[in-house]
Amino acid sequence: MRHGNTVTEEGAGMMGTENVMRDRDGLTEEEFLAVYEPGDYPRPSVAADMVIFTVTDHREEENYRKIPKKELRVLLIKRGGHPYLGCWALPGGFVRPTETTRQTAERELREETGVEKVYLEQLYTFSDPGRDPRTWVISCSYMALIDSSQVVIQAGDDAASAAWFKVGCRMIGERRKEEKDRGIEQELWELTFSCEDIFLRTILEKEAGESFAESRIVDRGGLAFDHGCIIAYGLERLRGKLTFTDLAFHFMPEYFTLTQLQQVYEVIFDKELPAAAFRRKVMPMVEETEKYTEKEGHRPSRLYRRRNRADDAAEGGGRFTATP
């Protein structure tokens, strides 16, 4: 019996009726898979690239009593081979046949930083043709947030070195582009990366209101592939989620001051926040302890810790619900 493009064979037996589904060529699924040739269709390589953020202290040597400033940093790897030999890139690697993309990301995170079981989320799939000069490569990108005190970085086998770079992102210009009888407002953005005497500057272009996931490289400035776009989108995602989640605590040690927590928010948003308003918003997310700072060179400050999530829910939320 034929139904559309599928042939059904029915045979009565002692145990009941058996149905065998056949396609338009008369093949069962088992027969189809036995003769299937994967090489009949082009197949991309798949990579997992990691945007690993941390927040570090920067203390001014001439004033040890002053509270150290915070710096948002991203982990970059100096490439030890072609393509982009000598350029800096995100840590990452190709997905193995036995792995999911997340498992690849977890493996790369463990190999590069020595840590696991940290906050990790998928960002976006970057698939522009030609993004990798070697071959057709699709990148499934991930973002990880790490407490810097837990990390010891080490370069992988294909890398010359690895380092935490201070990262900044700002719009540097606008222009109007005429396309198909309509004007498009374009934005130019600058990504900067600094680590000791190394300075990188990447220029991106995107339409006004468009996500960095759809941005384009204007000038790589020492950064490999389209990793500038991936980093900018990771920062965009981080800032967006920080307005309604408690992600900032993934950058914090177990005990911290409210000033330290505020500094983390400020360095991510790249703006100063009113202390009184900030504390009102974060108090439902923290609980005070009987501990105080020691040997900080200034008056001891009370230490807090992240409130238990069950307690948080019982009190009706405790989310940072509005953009500071």
Protein backbone atom coordinates (compact mmCIF):
# COMPACT_ATOMS: atom_id res chain seq x y z
CA MET A 1 0.00 0.00 0.00
CA ARG A 2 1.37 3.48 -0.95
CA HIS A 3 0.76 6.64 1.10
CA GLY A 4 2.18 9.74 -0.64
CA ASN A 5 5.93 9.13 -1.07
CA THR A 6 6.00 6.28 1.44
CA VAL A 7 5.25 2.61 0.81
CA THR A 8 3.78 0.55 3.66
CA GLU A 9 4.00 -3.22 3.61
CA GLU A 10 1.54 -5.00 5.80
CA GLY A 11 1.83 -8.63 6.60
CA ALA A 12 -0.22 -10.60 9.05
CA GLY A 13 1.63 -12.94 11.36
CA MET A 14 1.00 -14.90 14.46
CA MET A 15 2.15 -11.97 16.62
CA GLY A 16 0.10 -9.31 14.81
CA THR A 17 0.59 -6.88 11.94
CA GLU A 18 4.07 -5.64 10.97
CA ASN A 19 4.47 -2.31 9.13
CA VAL A 20 7.63 -1.59 7.13
CA MET A 21 8.03 2.01 5.95
CA ARG A 22 9.77 2.53 2.61
CA ASP A 23 10.72 5.77 0.87
CA ARG A 24 10.08 6.75 -2.76
CA ASP A 25 13.07 4.61 -3.80
CA GLY A 26 11.65 1.59 -2.03
CA LEU A 27 14.25 1.65 0.77
CA THR A 28 13.67 0.99 4.44
CA GLU A 29 15.45 3.29 6.88
CA GLU A 30 18.06 0.61 7.58
CA GLU A 31 18.74 0.17 3.86
CA PHE A 32 18.87 3.94 3.32
CA LEU A 33 21.46 4.44 6.08
CA ALA A 34 23.57 1.54 4.77
CA VAL A 35 24.11 3.29 1.42
CA TYR A 36 24.08 6.91 2.61
CA GLU A 37 27.19 8.87 1.56
CA PRO A 38 27.93 11.84 3.90
CA GLY A 39 30.41 13.18 1.36
CA ASP A 40 27.58 13.99 -1.04
CA TYR A 41 27.01 17.21 0.88
CA PRO A 42 29.58 19.84 1.98
CA ARG A 43 30.16 19.71 5.71
CA PRO A 44 31.67 22.43 7.90
CA SER A 45 34.11 22.01 10.74
CA VAL A 46 32.63 23.08 14.07
CA ALA A 47 34.58 24.92 16.76
CA ALA A 48 33.76 26.13 20.27
CA ASP A 49 35.30 29.51 21.15
CA MET A 50 35.37 30.78 24.72
CA VAL A 51 34.88 34.34 25.97
CA ILE A 52 36.25 33.98 29.50
CA PHE A 53 35.70 37.07 31.66
CA THR A 54 37.14 37.82 35.07
CA VAL A 55 37.48 40.90 37.28
CA THR A 56 40.85 41.71 38.85
CA ASP A 57 42.21 44.24 41.33
CA HIS A 58 44.52 47.05 40.23
CA ARG A 59 46.23 48.65 43.21
CA GLU A 60 48.14 51.90 42.87
CA GLU A 61 51.61 51.23 44.28
CA GLU A 62 52.08 54.74 45.65
CA ASN A 63 48.96 54.49 47.84
CA TYR A 64 48.49 51.11 49.45
CA ARG A 65 45.74 52.51 51.71
CA LYS A 66 43.49 53.26 48.77
CA ILE A 67 40.90 50.65 47.82
CA PRO A 68 42.17 48.92 44.65
CA LYS A 69 40.27 49.55 41.44
CA LYS A 70 38.62 46.73 39.52
CA GLU A 71 39.38 45.82 35.91
CA LEU A 72 37.30 43.65 33.56
CA ARG A 73 39.57 41.24 31.72
CA VAL A 74 39.22 38.61 29.02
CA LEU A 75 41.53 35.68 28.40
CA LEU A 76 43.39 35.75 25.07
CA ILE A 77 45.78 33.22 23.56
CA LYS A 78 48.70 34.17 21.32
CA ARG A 79 48.55 31.93 18.28
CA GLY A 80 51.61 29.79 17.72
CA GLY A 81 50.74 28.68 14.19
CA HIS A 82 49.01 29.73 10.98
CA PRO A 83 46.60 31.27 10.26
CA TYR A 84 47.05 34.58 12.10
CA LEU A 85 50.42 33.49 13.45
CA GLY A 86 51.41 35.78 16.32
CA CYS A 87 47.93 37.31 16.66
CA TRP A 88 45.82 37.05 19.78
CA ALA A 89 42.64 34.96 19.82
CA LEU A 90 40.01 33.49 22.09
CA PRO A 91 40.75 30.08 23.56
CA GLY A 92 38.86 27.37 21.74
CA GLY A 93 39.10 24.23 19.69
CA PHE A 94 37.39 21.96 17.24
CA VAL A 95 34.52 19.78 18.40
CA ARG A 96 35.45 16.13 18.55
CA PRO A 97 33.10 13.50 17.07
CA THR A 98 32.26 12.22 20.57
CA GLU A 99 31.56 15.68 22.07
CA THR A 100 28.78 18.20 22.22
CA THR A 101 29.79 21.82 21.69
CA ARG A 102 29.32 22.45 25.41
CA GLN A 103 31.61 19.56 26.30
CA THR A 104 34.24 21.05 24.00
CA ALA A 105 33.86 24.41 25.73
CA GLU A 106 34.19 22.78 29.15
CA ARG A 107 37.31 20.91 28.01
CA GLU A 108 38.92 24.06 26.64
CA LEU A 109 38.05 25.97 29.81
CA ARG A 110 39.63 23.25 31.96
CA GLU A 111 42.76 23.05 29.79
CA GLU A 112 43.32 26.81 29.64
CA THR A 113 42.42 27.84 33.21
CA GLY A 114 42.45 24.68 35.29
CA VAL A 115 38.92 25.37 36.58
CA GLU A 116 35.59 23.67 36.02
CA LYS A 117 32.05 23.92 37.31
CA VAL A 118 31.92 27.68 36.75
CA TYR A 119 29.20 29.75 35.11
CA LEU A 120 29.04 28.88 31.41
CA GLU A 121 26.44 29.81 28.82
CA GLN A 122 26.15 29.58 25.06
CA LEU A 123 26.32 32.93 23.29
CA TYR A 124 25.75 32.66 19.56
CA THR A 125 26.68 30.66 16.46
CA PHE A 126 29.02 32.62 14.20
CA SER A 127 28.84 31.22 10.67
CA ASP A 128 29.81 33.90 8.16
CA PRO A 129 31.39 32.29 5.07
CA GLY A 130 35.10 32.98 5.00
CA ARG A 131 35.43 33.73 8.73
CA ASP A 132 38.29 31.20 8.83
CA PRO A 133 40.77 31.21 5.91
CA ARG A 134 41.51 27.49 6.33
CA THR A 135 38.11 26.08 5.50
CA TRP A 136 34.41 26.36 6.27
CA VAL A 137 34.31 26.68 10.07
CA ILE A 138 31.26 27.43 12.20
CA SER A 139 31.95 28.72 15.71
CA CYS A 140 29.61 27.98 18.57
CA SER A 141 30.67 30.58 21.14
CA TYR A 142 30.36 30.38 24.92
CA MET A 143 30.83 32.82 27.79
CA ALA A 144 32.38 31.84 31.13
CA LEU A 145 32.57 33.99 34.28
CA ILE A 146 35.41 33.25 36.70
CA ASP A 147 36.64 34.47 40.06
CA SER A 148 40.22 35.47 39.22
CA SER A 149 41.57 34.14 42.54
CA GLN A 150 40.81 30.59 41.38
CA VAL A 151 42.61 30.73 38.04
CA VAL A 152 46.06 29.75 36.88
CA ILE A 153 46.23 30.19 33.10
CA GLN A 154 48.31 28.03 30.81
CA ALA A 155 48.65 28.13 27.03
CA GLY A 156 47.50 25.09 25.06
CA ASP A 157 49.65 23.04 22.69
CA ASP A 158 48.91 25.28 19.69
CA ALA A 159 49.49 28.57 21.53
CA ALA A 160 52.62 30.60 22.25
CA SER A 161 51.30 32.23 25.43
CA ALA A 162 48.13 33.20 27.28
CA ALA A 163 47.26 36.36 29.21
CA TRP A 164 44.40 38.29 30.82
CA PHE A 165 43.73 41.49 28.84
CA LYS A 166 41.90 44.49 30.23
CA VAL A 167 39.01 45.05 27.83
CA GLY A 168 37.11 48.20 26.89
CA CYS A 169 34.34 48.90 24.38
CA ARG A 170 33.03 52.29 23.22
CA MET A 171 31.34 53.86 20.22
CA ILE A 172 33.69 56.16 18.32
CA GLY A 173 31.56 57.39 15.44
CA GLU A 174 28.42 57.28 13.35
CA ARG A 175 27.82 57.54 9.63
CA ARG A 176 24.95 57.22 7.22
CA LYS A 177 25.17 54.64 4.48
CA GLU A 178 22.89 54.75 1.44
CA GLU A 179 21.73 51.33 0.37
CA LYS A 180 18.83 50.30 -1.89
CA ASP A 181 17.12 53.68 -1.81
CA ARG A 182 17.24 53.92 1.95
CA GLY A 183 19.62 55.37 4.49
CA ILE A 184 21.18 53.13 7.12
CA GLU A 185 22.69 54.56 10.29
CA GLN A 186 26.03 52.85 10.91
CA GLU A 187 27.94 52.85 14.18
CA LEU A 188 31.69 52.41 14.58
CA TRP A 189 32.86 50.78 17.80
CA GLU A 190 36.31 50.43 19.28
CA LEU A 191 37.43 47.40 21.29
CA THR A 192 40.67 47.86 23.23
CA PHE A 193 42.77 45.20 24.93
CA SER A 194 45.79 45.91 27.12
CA CYS A 195 48.17 43.70 29.09
CA GLU A 196 51.43 45.17 30.37
CA ASP A 197 53.13 46.55 27.23
CA ILE A 198 50.73 44.90 24.74
CA PHE A 199 47.91 46.98 23.27
CA LEU A 200 45.35 45.80 20.70
CA ARG A 201 42.65 47.89 19.01
CA THR A 202 39.83 46.35 16.99
CA ILE A 203 37.25 48.39 15.05
CA LEU A 204 33.75 47.03 14.46
CA GLU A 205 30.84 48.30 12.40
CA LYS A 206 27.16 47.61 12.95
CA GLU A 207 23.79 49.14 12.20
CA ALA A 208 22.29 51.34 14.90
CA GLY A 209 20.20 49.18 17.22
CA GLU A 210 21.76 46.01 15.86
CA SER A 211 23.38 43.42 18.13
CA PHE A 212 27.13 42.88 18.08
CA ALA A 213 26.32 39.34 16.97
CA GLU A 214 25.66 40.93 13.56
CA SER A 215 28.63 43.31 13.60
CA ARG A 216 31.44 43.33 11.04
CA ILE A 217 35.21 43.66 11.38
CA VAL A 218 36.64 46.90 9.98
CA ASP A 219 40.15 46.51 11.42
CA ARG A 220 41.26 43.42 13.38
CA GLY A 221 44.16 45.27 14.99
CA GLY A 222 46.08 42.17 16.07
CA LEU A 223 43.05 40.04 16.96
CA ALA A 224 42.49 36.85 14.95
CA PHE A 225 39.45 35.73 12.96
CA ASP A 226 36.16 37.46 13.88
CA HIS A 227 36.91 37.18 17.59
CA GLY A 228 36.39 40.90 18.06
CA CYS A 229 32.72 40.43 17.17
CA ILE A 230 32.44 37.48 19.55
CA ILE A 231 34.01 39.39 22.45
CA ALA A 232 31.84 42.46 21.85
CA TYR A 233 28.72 40.30 21.82
CA GLY A 234 29.86 38.55 25.01
CA LEU A 235 30.23 41.91 26.72
CA GLU A 236 26.83 42.99 25.39
CA ARG A 237 25.25 39.81 26.78
CA LEU A 238 26.99 40.22 30.13
CA ARG A 239 25.81 43.81 30.54
CA GLY A 240 22.29 42.90 29.49
CA LYS A 241 21.93 39.98 31.90
CA LEU A 242 23.47 41.90 34.77
CA THR A 243 20.40 44.16 34.82
CA PHE A 244 18.04 41.33 35.79
CA THR A 245 20.19 38.49 37.18
CA ASP A 246 22.83 38.02 39.88
CA LEU A 247 25.63 37.03 37.49
CA ALA A 248 28.04 39.46 39.15
CA PHE A 249 28.48 37.06 42.06
CA HIS A 250 30.36 34.64 39.79
CA PHE A 251 33.21 37.18 39.83
CA MET A 252 33.24 37.39 43.62
CA PRO A 253 35.00 35.36 46.31
CA GLU A 254 32.86 33.83 49.05
CA TYR A 255 33.19 36.94 51.25
CA PHE A 256 33.29 40.49 49.92
CA THR A 257 32.45 44.07 50.81
CA LEU A 258 29.56 45.97 49.25
CA THR A 259 32.08 48.40 47.80
CA GLN A 260 33.86 45.53 46.04
CA LEU A 261 30.56 44.28 44.64
CA GLN A 262 29.66 47.78 43.44
CA GLN A 263 33.05 48.08 41.75
CA VAL A 264 32.32 44.92 39.77
CA TYR A 265 29.03 46.34 38.49
CA GLU A 266 30.71 49.64 37.64
CA VAL A 267 33.59 48.13 35.71
CA ILE A 268 31.22 45.98 33.65
CA PHE A 269 28.77 48.81 32.91
CA ASP A 270 31.69 51.24 32.53
CA LYS A 271 29.93 53.89 34.63
CA GLU A 272 29.81 55.04 38.23
CA LEU A 273 26.74 54.11 40.26
CA PRO A 274 25.20 56.03 43.18
CA ALA A 275 26.21 54.08 46.28
CA ALA A 276 22.93 54.47 48.18
CA ALA A 277 20.75 53.39 45.24
CA PHE A 278 23.06 50.48 44.44
CA ARG A 279 22.95 49.14 47.97
CA ARG A 280 19.16 49.27 48.07
CA LYS A 281 19.03 47.13 44.94
CA VAL A 282 21.58 44.52 45.95
CA MET A 283 20.72 44.09 49.64
CA PRO A 284 18.05 41.42 48.90
CA MET A 285 20.79 39.39 47.16
CA VAL A 286 23.34 39.43 50.01
CA GLU A 287 23.55 38.73 53.71
CA GLU A 288 25.96 40.28 56.14
CA THR A 289 28.41 38.21 58.15
CA GLU A 290 30.37 38.78 61.34
CA LYS A 291 33.60 38.96 59.36
CA TYR A 292 35.56 42.12 58.51
CA THR A 293 38.40 42.95 56.15
CA GLU A 294 41.90 42.60 57.55
CA LYS A 295 45.27 44.11 56.63
CA GLU A 296 43.75 46.30 53.93
CA GLY A 297 45.53 49.50 54.99
CA HIS A 298 42.25 51.23 55.81
CA ARG A 299 39.37 50.96 58.26
CA PRO A 300 37.98 47.39 58.39
CA SER A 301 34.79 46.90 56.38
CA ARG A 302 32.05 44.38 57.02
CA LEU A 303 32.07 41.35 54.72
CA TYR A 304 28.98 40.00 53.01
CA ARG A 305 28.21 36.87 51.09
CA ARG A 306 25.71 35.83 48.47
CA ARG A 307 22.31 35.06 49.93
CA ASN A 308 21.13 31.48 49.67
CA ARG A 309 18.96 31.15 46.58
CA ALA A 310 16.16 29.52 48.59
CA ASP A 311 16.15 32.48 51.00
CA ASP A 312 16.25 34.81 48.00
CA ALA A 313 13.11 33.26 46.52
CA ALA A 314 11.33 33.30 49.87
CA GLU A 315 11.83 37.05 50.10
CA GLY A 316 10.34 37.59 46.67
CA GLY A 317 13.29 37.83 44.32
CA GLY A 318 16.36 39.88 45.06
CA ARG A 319 17.29 40.55 41.45
CA PHE A 320 19.11 43.60 40.15
CA THR A 321 16.02 44.55 38.22
CA ALA A 322 16.89 47.86 36.58
CA THR A 323 19.81 49.19 34.63
CA PRO A 324 21.84 51.34 37.02
